N, C-alpha and C. Protein backbone atom coordinates (compact mmCIF):
# COMPACT_ATOMS: atom_id res chain seq x y z
N VAL A 1 -11.65 -10.12 -0.57
CA VAL A 1 -11.55 -8.90 0.46
C VAL A 1 -11.04 -9.66 1.70
N PHE A 2 -10.00 -8.77 2.17
CA PHE A 2 -9.57 -9.20 3.48
C PHE A 2 -8.81 -7.92 4.13
N GLU A 3 -8.54 -7.98 5.47
CA GLU A 3 -8.05 -6.93 6.27
C GLU A 3 -6.57 -7.41 6.60
N ALA A 4 -5.75 -6.38 6.76
CA ALA A 4 -4.42 -6.58 7.00
C ALA A 4 -3.81 -5.37 7.91
N ASP A 5 -2.85 -5.66 8.72
CA ASP A 5 -2.05 -4.65 9.39
C ASP A 5 -1.25 -3.78 8.44
N ALA A 6 -1.17 -2.59 8.55
CA ALA A 6 -0.43 -1.80 7.56
C ALA A 6 1.07 -2.19 7.78
N ARG A 7 1.48 -2.87 8.71
CA ARG A 7 2.97 -3.26 8.89
C ARG A 7 3.21 -4.47 8.09
N LEU A 8 2.23 -5.19 7.50
CA LEU A 8 2.49 -6.29 6.66
C LEU A 8 3.52 -6.03 5.60
N ASP A 9 4.47 -6.97 5.33
CA ASP A 9 5.41 -6.80 4.43
C ASP A 9 4.79 -6.98 2.97
N VAL A 10 5.20 -5.98 2.13
CA VAL A 10 4.70 -5.98 0.87
C VAL A 10 4.96 -7.22 0.07
N GLU A 11 6.07 -7.77 0.21
CA GLU A 11 6.52 -9.02 -0.53
C GLU A 11 5.63 -10.14 -0.08
N GLU A 12 5.13 -10.08 1.08
CA GLU A 12 4.30 -11.27 1.67
C GLU A 12 3.07 -11.20 0.74
N LEU A 13 2.42 -9.84 0.65
CA LEU A 13 1.25 -9.76 -0.06
C LEU A 13 1.29 -10.02 -1.56
N GLU A 14 2.53 -9.62 -2.17
CA GLU A 14 2.82 -9.97 -3.59
C GLU A 14 2.81 -11.42 -3.73
N ALA A 15 3.39 -12.23 -2.84
CA ALA A 15 3.46 -13.74 -2.96
C ALA A 15 1.93 -14.35 -2.84
N ARG A 16 1.24 -13.77 -1.88
CA ARG A 16 -0.04 -14.21 -1.67
C ARG A 16 -1.00 -14.08 -2.79
N LEU A 17 -0.88 -12.81 -3.43
CA LEU A 17 -1.77 -12.51 -4.62
C LEU A 17 -1.18 -12.76 -5.94
N ASP A 18 -0.05 -13.18 -6.01
CA ASP A 18 0.81 -13.41 -7.28
C ASP A 18 0.74 -12.04 -8.18
N ARG A 19 1.10 -11.01 -7.56
CA ARG A 19 1.08 -9.69 -8.26
C ARG A 19 2.33 -8.95 -7.75
N VAL A 20 2.88 -8.14 -8.69
CA VAL A 20 3.99 -7.25 -8.37
C VAL A 20 3.25 -5.89 -7.97
N LEU A 21 3.58 -5.45 -6.83
CA LEU A 21 2.98 -4.21 -6.27
C LEU A 21 4.05 -3.09 -6.13
N VAL A 22 5.36 -3.44 -6.08
CA VAL A 22 6.30 -2.46 -5.95
C VAL A 22 7.48 -2.72 -6.90
N ASP A 23 8.04 -1.75 -7.60
CA ASP A 23 9.04 -1.87 -8.55
C ASP A 23 10.31 -2.01 -7.70
N ASP A 24 11.33 -2.70 -8.24
CA ASP A 24 12.56 -2.99 -7.48
C ASP A 24 13.30 -1.76 -7.05
N ASP A 25 13.13 -0.64 -7.84
CA ASP A 25 13.75 0.61 -7.38
C ASP A 25 13.01 1.40 -6.35
N GLU A 26 11.78 0.96 -5.91
CA GLU A 26 11.14 1.73 -4.95
C GLU A 26 11.55 1.27 -3.61
N ASP A 27 11.65 2.28 -2.66
CA ASP A 27 12.01 1.95 -1.36
C ASP A 27 10.73 1.70 -0.41
N VAL A 28 10.00 0.76 -0.66
CA VAL A 28 8.67 0.49 0.09
C VAL A 28 8.78 -0.92 0.71
N ASP A 29 8.57 -1.03 2.02
CA ASP A 29 8.58 -2.35 2.69
C ASP A 29 7.33 -2.83 3.11
N THR A 30 6.41 -1.91 3.63
CA THR A 30 5.13 -2.30 4.16
C THR A 30 4.00 -1.84 3.38
N LEU A 31 2.83 -2.42 3.75
CA LEU A 31 1.60 -1.94 3.02
C LEU A 31 1.25 -0.55 3.32
N GLY A 32 1.48 -0.02 4.55
CA GLY A 32 1.18 1.36 4.88
C GLY A 32 2.19 2.28 4.02
N GLY A 33 3.42 1.78 3.82
CA GLY A 33 4.50 2.55 3.11
C GLY A 33 3.93 2.63 1.68
N LEU A 34 3.35 1.57 1.07
CA LEU A 34 2.94 1.49 -0.19
C LEU A 34 1.80 2.38 -0.39
N VAL A 35 0.86 2.39 0.44
CA VAL A 35 -0.39 3.28 0.28
C VAL A 35 0.18 4.77 0.47
N PHE A 36 1.05 4.96 1.24
CA PHE A 36 1.62 6.41 1.52
C PHE A 36 2.36 6.83 0.15
N ALA A 37 3.13 5.88 -0.46
CA ALA A 37 3.80 6.21 -1.63
C ALA A 37 2.85 6.42 -2.91
N LEU A 38 1.73 5.74 -2.85
CA LEU A 38 0.65 5.88 -3.85
C LEU A 38 0.08 7.36 -3.75
N THR A 39 -0.12 7.69 -2.45
CA THR A 39 -0.88 9.03 -2.22
C THR A 39 0.00 10.32 -2.03
N GLY A 40 1.23 9.98 -1.42
CA GLY A 40 2.14 11.11 -1.18
C GLY A 40 1.74 11.72 0.15
N ARG A 41 0.88 11.03 0.92
CA ARG A 41 0.38 11.54 2.19
C ARG A 41 -0.15 10.40 3.05
N VAL A 42 -0.47 10.61 4.23
CA VAL A 42 -1.17 9.63 5.03
C VAL A 42 -2.68 9.78 4.92
N PRO A 43 -3.45 8.91 4.24
CA PRO A 43 -4.86 9.04 4.04
C PRO A 43 -5.58 8.82 5.36
N ALA A 44 -6.75 9.49 5.50
CA ALA A 44 -7.51 9.32 6.69
C ALA A 44 -8.27 8.01 6.60
N ALA A 45 -8.83 7.62 7.74
CA ALA A 45 -9.72 6.38 7.77
C ALA A 45 -10.96 6.55 6.92
N GLY A 46 -11.32 5.61 6.14
CA GLY A 46 -12.42 5.66 5.23
C GLY A 46 -12.05 6.06 3.85
N GLU A 47 -10.76 6.51 3.58
CA GLU A 47 -10.43 6.81 2.22
C GLU A 47 -9.96 5.53 1.40
N THR A 48 -10.08 5.48 0.10
CA THR A 48 -9.71 4.37 -0.63
C THR A 48 -8.68 4.77 -1.61
N VAL A 49 -7.77 3.89 -1.79
CA VAL A 49 -6.60 4.16 -2.67
C VAL A 49 -6.57 2.93 -3.70
N GLU A 50 -6.50 3.24 -4.97
CA GLU A 50 -6.33 2.24 -6.07
C GLU A 50 -4.90 2.09 -6.45
N HIS A 51 -4.61 0.71 -6.63
CA HIS A 51 -3.18 0.29 -7.10
C HIS A 51 -3.30 -0.16 -8.58
N PRO A 52 -2.42 0.35 -9.43
CA PRO A 52 -2.53 -0.16 -10.90
C PRO A 52 -2.54 -1.70 -11.09
N ALA A 53 -2.16 -2.55 -10.08
CA ALA A 53 -2.11 -3.93 -10.23
C ALA A 53 -3.45 -4.56 -9.97
N GLY A 54 -4.51 -3.72 -9.75
CA GLY A 54 -5.85 -4.21 -9.73
C GLY A 54 -6.25 -4.39 -8.17
N LEU A 55 -5.85 -3.64 -7.37
CA LEU A 55 -6.23 -3.63 -5.85
C LEU A 55 -6.74 -2.32 -5.46
N VAL A 56 -7.60 -2.34 -4.41
CA VAL A 56 -8.12 -1.17 -3.90
C VAL A 56 -7.95 -1.41 -2.34
N PHE A 57 -7.19 -0.38 -1.83
CA PHE A 57 -6.82 -0.27 -0.40
C PHE A 57 -7.85 0.59 0.30
N GLU A 58 -8.51 0.20 1.35
CA GLU A 58 -9.38 1.02 2.15
C GLU A 58 -8.77 1.22 3.39
N VAL A 59 -8.55 2.52 3.90
CA VAL A 59 -7.73 2.77 5.19
C VAL A 59 -8.95 2.58 6.26
N LEU A 60 -8.73 1.64 7.14
CA LEU A 60 -9.63 1.27 8.22
C LEU A 60 -9.29 2.07 9.47
N ASP A 61 -7.90 2.32 9.70
CA ASP A 61 -7.57 2.98 10.96
C ASP A 61 -6.10 3.64 10.55
N ALA A 62 -6.17 4.99 10.95
CA ALA A 62 -4.97 5.71 10.71
C ALA A 62 -4.95 6.80 11.77
N ASP A 63 -3.73 7.40 12.06
CA ASP A 63 -3.63 8.61 12.74
C ASP A 63 -2.92 9.66 11.89
N PRO A 64 -2.76 10.85 12.26
CA PRO A 64 -2.11 11.84 11.40
C PRO A 64 -0.71 11.41 10.85
N ARG A 65 0.01 10.53 11.52
CA ARG A 65 1.31 10.12 11.14
C ARG A 65 1.53 8.84 10.45
N ARG A 66 0.57 7.96 10.62
CA ARG A 66 0.76 6.66 9.98
C ARG A 66 -0.60 5.84 9.91
N ILE A 67 -0.51 5.01 8.84
CA ILE A 67 -1.62 4.13 8.52
C ILE A 67 -1.53 2.84 9.44
N LYS A 68 -2.63 2.48 9.97
CA LYS A 68 -2.52 1.29 10.94
C LYS A 68 -3.08 -0.02 10.42
N ARG A 69 -4.34 0.14 9.64
CA ARG A 69 -5.11 -1.06 9.36
C ARG A 69 -5.69 -0.77 7.87
N LEU A 70 -5.75 -1.75 6.95
CA LEU A 70 -6.26 -1.65 5.77
C LEU A 70 -7.18 -2.73 5.40
N ARG A 71 -8.12 -2.57 4.45
CA ARG A 71 -8.94 -3.59 3.91
C ARG A 71 -8.49 -3.57 2.41
N ILE A 72 -8.23 -4.73 1.93
CA ILE A 72 -7.65 -4.89 0.53
C ILE A 72 -8.68 -5.77 -0.26
N ARG A 73 -9.03 -5.29 -1.42
CA ARG A 73 -10.04 -5.69 -2.32
C ARG A 73 -9.23 -5.89 -3.65
N VAL A 74 -9.36 -7.08 -4.23
CA VAL A 74 -8.79 -7.29 -5.59
C VAL A 74 -9.82 -6.91 -6.61
N THR A 75 -9.60 -6.14 -7.58
CA THR A 75 -10.56 -5.70 -8.64
C THR A 75 -10.21 -6.26 -9.89
N ALA A 76 -9.08 -6.64 -10.21
CA ALA A 76 -8.71 -7.27 -11.35
C ALA A 76 -8.30 -8.64 -11.25
N PRO A 77 -8.90 -9.61 -12.06
CA PRO A 77 -8.62 -11.07 -11.87
C PRO A 77 -7.25 -11.58 -12.28
N GLU A 78 -6.47 -10.86 -13.20
CA GLU A 78 -5.24 -11.42 -13.59
C GLU A 78 -4.16 -10.72 -12.92
N ALA A 79 -2.95 -11.45 -12.78
CA ALA A 79 -1.79 -10.79 -12.23
C ALA A 79 -1.33 -9.89 -13.22
N THR A 80 -0.81 -8.58 -12.75
CA THR A 80 -0.27 -7.62 -13.44
C THR A 80 0.93 -6.92 -12.76
N THR A 81 1.66 -6.23 -13.45
CA THR A 81 2.89 -5.62 -12.85
C THR A 81 2.50 -4.12 -12.52
N ALA A 82 3.30 -3.62 -11.64
CA ALA A 82 3.04 -2.25 -11.19
C ALA A 82 3.43 -1.26 -12.31
N ALA A 83 2.87 -0.28 -12.35
CA ALA A 83 3.11 0.73 -13.50
C ALA A 83 4.22 1.70 -13.01
């Protein structure tokens, strides 16, 4: 479990966790963008969002227009690819 700024580059997190979080055809660069893509909206602080690669993102700070800070929890032990 760790916290990250929502502006963190998705590729950096992928390398750190040895997981694919974004398909090559998706136009997502940041963690905040990834969570937005998963939900289709800006989630409120306190909401959690599950990723198919075995991660749970908890929104720690957000305003109506953007996600600012996230807590990331790994739920699956093995590296997987995004669905």
